[in-house]
Protein backbone atom coordinates (compact mmCIF):
# COMPACT_ATOMS: atom_id res chain seq x y z
CA MET A 1 -40.07 68.79 -203.39
CA GLY A 2 -37.08 71.71 -202.89
CA LEU A 3 -37.15 75.09 -205.23
CA TYR A 4 -35.71 73.90 -208.25
CA HIS A 5 -37.48 70.37 -208.66
CA LYS A 6 -41.32 72.69 -207.76
CA HIS A 7 -40.63 75.70 -209.67
CA ILE A 8 -37.52 75.89 -211.78
CA LEU A 9 -37.01 72.75 -213.02
CA PRO A 10 -41.16 72.42 -214.48
CA LYS A 11 -39.68 75.11 -216.96
CA LEU A 12 -36.64 74.26 -217.90
CA ILE A 13 -38.37 71.16 -218.82
CA ASP A 14 -41.40 72.58 -220.58
CA PHE A 15 -39.03 74.83 -222.57
CA ALA A 16 -36.72 71.71 -223.97
CA CYS A 17 -39.82 69.76 -224.94
CA ARG A 18 -41.13 72.98 -227.14
CA GLN A 19 -38.06 73.13 -228.91
CA LYS A 20 -38.68 73.26 -232.80
CA PRO A 21 -37.08 69.78 -233.70
CA ASN A 22 -38.91 67.88 -230.95
CA MET A 23 -42.35 69.82 -231.91
CA LYS A 24 -41.68 68.68 -235.49
CA GLN A 25 -41.10 65.14 -234.27
CA ARG A 26 -44.61 64.75 -232.31
CA GLU A 27 -46.26 66.08 -235.17
CA LYS A 28 -45.07 63.26 -236.50
CA VAL A 29 -46.18 60.98 -234.61
CA VAL A 30 -49.13 62.40 -232.50
CA PRO A 31 -51.90 62.10 -235.58
CA LEU A 32 -51.44 58.73 -235.54
CA ALA A 33 -53.59 58.24 -232.21
CA THR A 34 -57.32 56.85 -232.97
CA GLY A 35 -60.19 56.33 -230.53
CA ARG A 36 -59.88 56.65 -227.02
CA VAL A 37 -56.36 57.60 -226.08
CA LEU A 38 -53.91 57.80 -223.49
CA GLU A 39 -51.66 59.77 -223.15
CA ILE A 40 -48.29 59.00 -220.77
CA GLY A 41 -46.70 62.20 -219.37
CA ILE A 42 -48.17 65.08 -221.04
CA GLY A 43 -46.17 67.38 -219.46
CA SER A 44 -47.64 71.14 -220.44
CA GLY A 45 -49.43 69.61 -223.23
CA LEU A 46 -47.16 70.50 -225.76
CA ASN A 47 -48.75 67.09 -227.78
CA LEU A 48 -52.64 68.31 -227.75
CA PRO A 49 -52.37 70.20 -230.96
CA PHE A 50 -51.35 67.34 -232.86
CA TYR A 51 -54.02 65.45 -232.19
CA ASN A 52 -56.57 64.38 -235.23
CA ASN A 53 -59.89 65.23 -233.57
CA GLN A 54 -61.78 63.90 -236.38
CA ASN A 55 -60.10 60.76 -235.58
CA VAL A 56 -60.12 61.04 -231.21
CA LYS A 57 -62.74 59.91 -229.49
CA GLN A 58 -61.43 61.23 -226.00
CA LEU A 59 -58.32 61.42 -224.74
CA THR A 60 -57.20 60.68 -220.56
CA ALA A 61 -53.77 62.47 -219.87
CA LEU A 62 -51.12 61.35 -216.68
CA ASP A 63 -48.15 62.81 -215.64
CA PRO A 64 -47.03 62.83 -211.88
CA TYR A 65 -45.71 66.14 -212.03
CA GLU A 66 -48.61 68.69 -211.93
CA ALA A 67 -46.41 71.84 -212.05
CA LEU A 68 -45.26 71.06 -214.80
CA TRP A 69 -49.83 70.78 -216.23
CA GLN A 70 -49.79 74.05 -214.94
CA GLU A 71 -47.55 75.53 -217.43
CA ASN A 72 -49.91 74.70 -220.43
CA ASN A 73 -52.04 77.65 -222.47
CA ILE A 74 -54.20 75.26 -223.86
CA ALA A 75 -57.88 75.62 -224.72
CA ILE A 76 -59.22 72.13 -223.06
CA ASP A 77 -62.69 73.35 -224.71
CA ASP A 78 -61.33 74.02 -228.06
CA LEU A 79 -60.08 70.66 -228.69
CA GLY A 80 -62.94 69.01 -229.96
CA PHE A 81 -62.71 66.01 -228.02
CA ASP A 82 -63.32 64.77 -224.17
CA PHE A 83 -60.50 65.78 -222.29
CA GLN A 84 -59.23 64.67 -218.60
CA PHE A 85 -55.82 65.05 -216.68
CA ILE A 86 -54.80 62.74 -213.75
CA LYS A 87 -51.78 62.98 -211.60
CA ALA A 88 -50.59 59.55 -211.28
CA SER A 89 -47.42 57.76 -212.52
CA SER A 90 -47.15 54.99 -215.81
CA GLU A 91 -46.50 52.51 -213.12
CA ASN A 92 -49.41 52.91 -211.67
CA ILE A 93 -52.19 53.61 -214.22
CA PRO A 94 -55.29 54.36 -212.46
CA GLU A 95 -57.87 52.77 -215.81
CA ASP A 96 -58.93 49.74 -216.16
CA ASN A 97 -58.02 46.72 -218.19
CA ASN A 98 -58.17 46.68 -221.83
CA THR A 99 -60.08 50.36 -221.61
CA PHE A 100 -57.64 52.75 -224.45
CA ASP A 101 -56.96 52.47 -228.51
CA SER A 102 -53.70 54.15 -228.75
CA ALA A 103 -51.40 55.07 -226.04
CA VAL A 104 -48.95 57.81 -226.68
CA ILE A 105 -45.55 58.88 -225.28
CA THR A 106 -42.98 60.76 -226.47
CA TYR A 107 -39.92 62.02 -224.24
CA THR A 108 -41.01 60.53 -221.59
CA LEU A 109 -39.35 56.77 -220.88
CA CYS A 110 -36.43 58.84 -220.44
CA SER A 111 -37.14 59.57 -217.00
CA ILE A 112 -39.34 56.91 -216.41
CA ASP A 113 -37.34 54.90 -213.06
CA ASP A 114 -39.47 51.56 -213.57
CA VAL A 115 -40.02 51.01 -217.57
CA LYS A 116 -40.84 47.23 -217.23
CA LYS A 117 -43.78 48.42 -214.99
CA ALA A 118 -44.87 51.40 -217.19
CA LEU A 119 -44.89 49.14 -220.43
CA HIS A 120 -46.46 46.41 -218.54
CA GLU A 121 -48.90 48.87 -216.83
CA ILE A 122 -49.67 50.17 -220.90
CA LYS A 123 -50.07 46.89 -221.61
CA ARG A 124 -52.48 46.04 -219.70
CA VAL A 125 -55.19 49.58 -220.07
CA LEU A 126 -54.35 48.80 -223.83
CA LYS A 127 -57.43 47.15 -226.02
CA PRO A 128 -55.46 43.89 -227.25
CA ASN A 129 -55.44 45.01 -231.03
CA GLY A 130 -54.36 48.06 -229.31
CA MET A 131 -51.63 50.36 -230.64
CA LEU A 132 -48.60 52.47 -228.65
CA ILE A 133 -47.23 55.16 -230.58
CA PHE A 134 -44.02 56.55 -229.48
CA CYS A 135 -40.91 59.28 -230.09
CA GLU A 136 -38.28 59.30 -227.73
CA HIS A 137 -34.42 60.22 -227.59
CA GLY A 138 -32.13 58.14 -226.15
CA LYS A 139 -28.43 55.36 -226.33
CA ALA A 140 -26.84 56.74 -229.99
CA PRO A 141 -25.43 54.21 -232.45
CA ASP A 142 -22.01 56.07 -232.51
CA LYS A 143 -19.33 55.00 -229.83
CA SER A 144 -17.81 59.02 -229.04
CA VAL A 145 -21.66 60.02 -228.51
CA GLU A 146 -22.27 57.12 -226.18
CA ARG A 147 -19.43 57.70 -224.30
CA VAL A 148 -20.30 61.27 -223.65
CA GLN A 149 -24.01 60.11 -222.69
CA GLN A 150 -22.20 57.89 -220.52
CA LEU A 151 -20.25 60.71 -218.97
CA ILE A 152 -22.84 63.38 -218.61
CA THR A 153 -25.81 61.05 -217.72
CA PRO A 154 -25.46 60.70 -213.47
CA ILE A 155 -25.15 64.76 -213.73
CA TRP A 156 -27.70 64.85 -216.05
CA LYS A 157 -30.10 63.11 -214.55
CA ARG A 158 -29.78 64.94 -211.30
CA LEU A 159 -30.46 68.25 -213.00
CA GLY A 160 -32.91 67.07 -215.64
CA GLY A 161 -35.98 64.78 -213.60
CA GLY A 162 -34.27 61.66 -213.93
CA CYS A 163 -33.67 61.94 -217.84
CA ASN A 164 -31.43 59.53 -218.72
CA LEU A 165 -29.41 59.60 -222.05
CA GLN A 166 -28.81 56.03 -222.75
CA LYS A 167 -32.25 54.23 -222.90
CA ASP A 168 -31.94 51.80 -225.81
CA ILE A 169 -35.94 52.21 -226.42
CA PRO A 170 -36.39 49.92 -229.01
CA LYS A 171 -34.89 47.50 -226.76
CA ILE A 172 -37.14 47.90 -223.40
CA ILE A 173 -40.08 48.02 -225.77
CA THR A 174 -39.77 44.94 -227.25
CA ASN A 175 -38.21 42.75 -224.11
CA ASN A 176 -41.53 44.92 -222.26
CA GLY A 177 -44.89 43.34 -223.88
CA PHE A 178 -45.10 45.30 -227.53
CA LYS A 179 -43.93 44.39 -231.14
CA ILE A 180 -42.60 47.45 -232.90
CA ASN A 181 -44.18 47.27 -236.75
CA ASP A 182 -43.02 50.69 -237.79
CA LEU A 183 -39.50 52.01 -236.34
CA LYS A 184 -37.16 55.14 -237.68
CA THR A 185 -34.07 56.57 -236.20
CA MET A 186 -32.61 59.91 -236.83
CA TYR A 187 -30.71 62.63 -234.96
CA ILE A 188 -32.41 65.64 -235.11
CA PRO A 189 -30.80 68.95 -235.37
CA GLY A 190 -29.42 70.08 -231.71
CA TRP A 191 -26.16 68.73 -229.91
CA LYS A 192 -25.65 65.01 -230.49
CA PRO A 193 -25.68 63.44 -227.32
CA ILE A 194 -29.53 64.71 -226.41
CA SER A 195 -30.85 64.44 -230.18
CA TYR A 196 -30.86 60.78 -231.16
CA ASN A 197 -34.42 59.56 -231.42
CA PHE A 198 -37.04 56.92 -231.85
CA TRP A 199 -39.66 57.23 -233.27
CA GLY A 200 -42.66 54.61 -234.73
CA THR A 201 -45.43 52.67 -233.36
CA ALA A 202 -45.98 49.08 -231.99
CA ARG A 203 -48.58 46.68 -230.26
CA PRO A 204 -49.02 44.72 -227.62
CA ASN A 205 -47.91 40.60 -228.33
């Protein structure tokens, strides 16, 4: 791993993900989590303040990039629920079948290469009546914006840790073992090619 990916990229990702519009989006979805919770791609822990500790019993957080997790400034003992961090990828979740009541994934699907395998792994570890809670950016509905996404995605992926701006998030979720119960979309404040958001909940089917 080069200097950029080891030392610079984690700080850039953390800076981008903690911008106010993104944090507002997290605030909309993270409190929906209940019971035993799995968070995919915790990064530096930006979702942690939004969990409702009256409803969450335990949180297991995965991320393959420990350097990004080390950017956190969260007092784990003050969360109000049990917490563990595991260095692991979403394509190979080291947990048993039917373990979790909720799975939370925010601004992470964009950078997962094998989203099919990742979502099937999430489905495997969720209980049959479990809930996938998501907030992601992706493919814009406006052709002019989509053309810009197509143009810049190759270099964006190289500089942004694999972030793909063109993923059709609802299609990816529904094609890989889930039925979306609730879906909202909008451009959040910011540059349009990186600002079209999808958020909501889905159940295993």
